[in-house]
């Protein structure tokens, strides 16, 4: 990964605004970490990494961030579209 690569984490990526945001940022060249409880509903494609996340579970939230930082070294932006 290049140090200039833009990394974004998006929750609620399986539908609605979160789903659309994943597609938009991936098309713009961002490395997207897309999170939802149901991975099969997250869009697929270049620059998209699907990660399981339950926003009501604090351990799941921490694991989500740890995975991104472990893989990319940083997060430039977070978009939280989760509704519970």
Protein backbone atom coordinates (compact mmCIF):
# COMPACT_ATOMS: atom_id res chain seq x y z
CA UNK A 1 0.00 0.00 0.00
CA UNK A 2 1.23 3.46 -0.83
CA UNK A 3 1.46 6.02 1.95
CA UNK A 4 -0.73 8.36 -0.10
CA UNK A 5 -3.55 5.85 -0.60
CA UNK A 6 -6.86 7.03 0.82
CA UNK A 7 -8.47 4.55 3.19
CA UNK A 8 -12.12 4.75 4.21
CA UNK A 9 -14.21 2.62 6.56
CA UNK A 10 -17.95 2.50 5.83
CA UNK A 11 -20.48 0.83 8.09
CA UNK A 12 -23.98 -0.14 7.00
CA UNK A 13 -22.51 -1.13 3.63
CA UNK A 14 -25.12 -3.77 2.79
CA UNK A 15 -27.87 -1.36 1.69
CA UNK A 16 -28.98 2.21 1.11
CA UNK A 17 -26.54 5.09 1.53
CA UNK A 18 -23.78 2.86 2.90
CA UNK A 19 -23.96 0.59 -0.14
CA UNK A 20 -23.89 3.57 -2.51
CA UNK A 21 -20.99 5.17 -0.62
CA UNK A 22 -18.92 1.99 -0.94
CA UNK A 23 -19.40 1.98 -4.70
CA UNK A 24 -18.68 5.70 -5.08
CA UNK A 25 -15.48 5.76 -3.02
CA UNK A 26 -14.18 2.55 -4.65
CA UNK A 27 -14.78 4.06 -8.11
CA UNK A 28 -12.87 7.18 -7.00
CA UNK A 29 -9.85 5.01 -6.15
CA UNK A 30 -10.16 4.88 -2.37
CA UNK A 31 -9.35 1.65 -0.53
CA UNK A 32 -12.77 0.88 0.98
CA UNK A 33 -13.36 -1.25 4.06
CA UNK A 34 -17.08 -2.00 3.90
CA UNK A 35 -18.79 -3.38 6.98
CA UNK A 36 -22.12 -5.07 7.64
CA UNK A 37 -23.58 -8.02 9.51
CA UNK A 38 -24.33 -9.79 6.22
CA UNK A 39 -21.18 -9.86 4.09
CA UNK A 40 -22.98 -11.33 1.08
CA UNK A 41 -24.92 -8.06 0.65
CA UNK A 42 -21.85 -5.81 0.48
CA UNK A 43 -20.93 -4.72 -3.06
CA UNK A 44 -17.88 -6.41 -4.53
CA UNK A 45 -15.20 -5.06 -6.78
CA UNK A 46 -11.79 -3.47 -7.01
CA UNK A 47 -10.72 -1.57 -3.86
CA UNK A 48 -13.52 -3.09 -1.71
CA UNK A 49 -12.75 -5.19 1.37
CA UNK A 50 -15.81 -6.65 3.08
CA UNK A 51 -15.61 -7.02 6.85
CA UNK A 52 -18.20 -8.40 9.26
CA UNK A 53 -19.42 -5.90 11.86
CA UNK A 54 -22.20 -5.74 14.44
CA UNK A 55 -22.29 -2.12 15.61
CA UNK A 56 -24.19 -3.12 18.76
CA UNK A 57 -21.21 -5.24 19.92
CA UNK A 58 -18.22 -3.26 21.24
CA UNK A 59 -15.79 -6.13 20.61
CA UNK A 60 -16.96 -6.33 17.00
CA UNK A 61 -16.40 -2.57 16.64
CA UNK A 62 -12.87 -2.85 18.01
CA UNK A 63 -12.06 -5.83 15.78
CA UNK A 64 -13.31 -3.91 12.73
CA UNK A 65 -10.92 -1.01 13.39
CA UNK A 66 -8.02 -3.34 14.30
CA UNK A 67 -8.39 -5.25 11.03
CA UNK A 68 -8.30 -2.07 8.96
CA UNK A 69 -5.29 -0.61 10.75
CA UNK A 70 -3.51 -3.97 10.57
CA UNK A 71 -4.08 -4.23 6.81
CA UNK A 72 -3.70 -0.59 5.75
CA UNK A 73 -1.87 1.14 8.58
CA UNK A 74 -4.44 3.91 8.92
CA UNK A 75 -7.98 5.17 8.35
CA UNK A 76 -8.42 8.52 6.64
CA UNK A 77 -12.22 8.67 6.90
CA UNK A 78 -15.10 6.86 8.60
CA UNK A 79 -18.70 6.95 7.38
CA UNK A 80 -21.16 5.39 9.78
CA UNK A 81 -24.50 4.57 8.16
CA UNK A 82 -25.50 1.92 10.66
CA UNK A 83 -28.99 2.07 12.05
CA UNK A 84 -29.99 -0.30 14.82
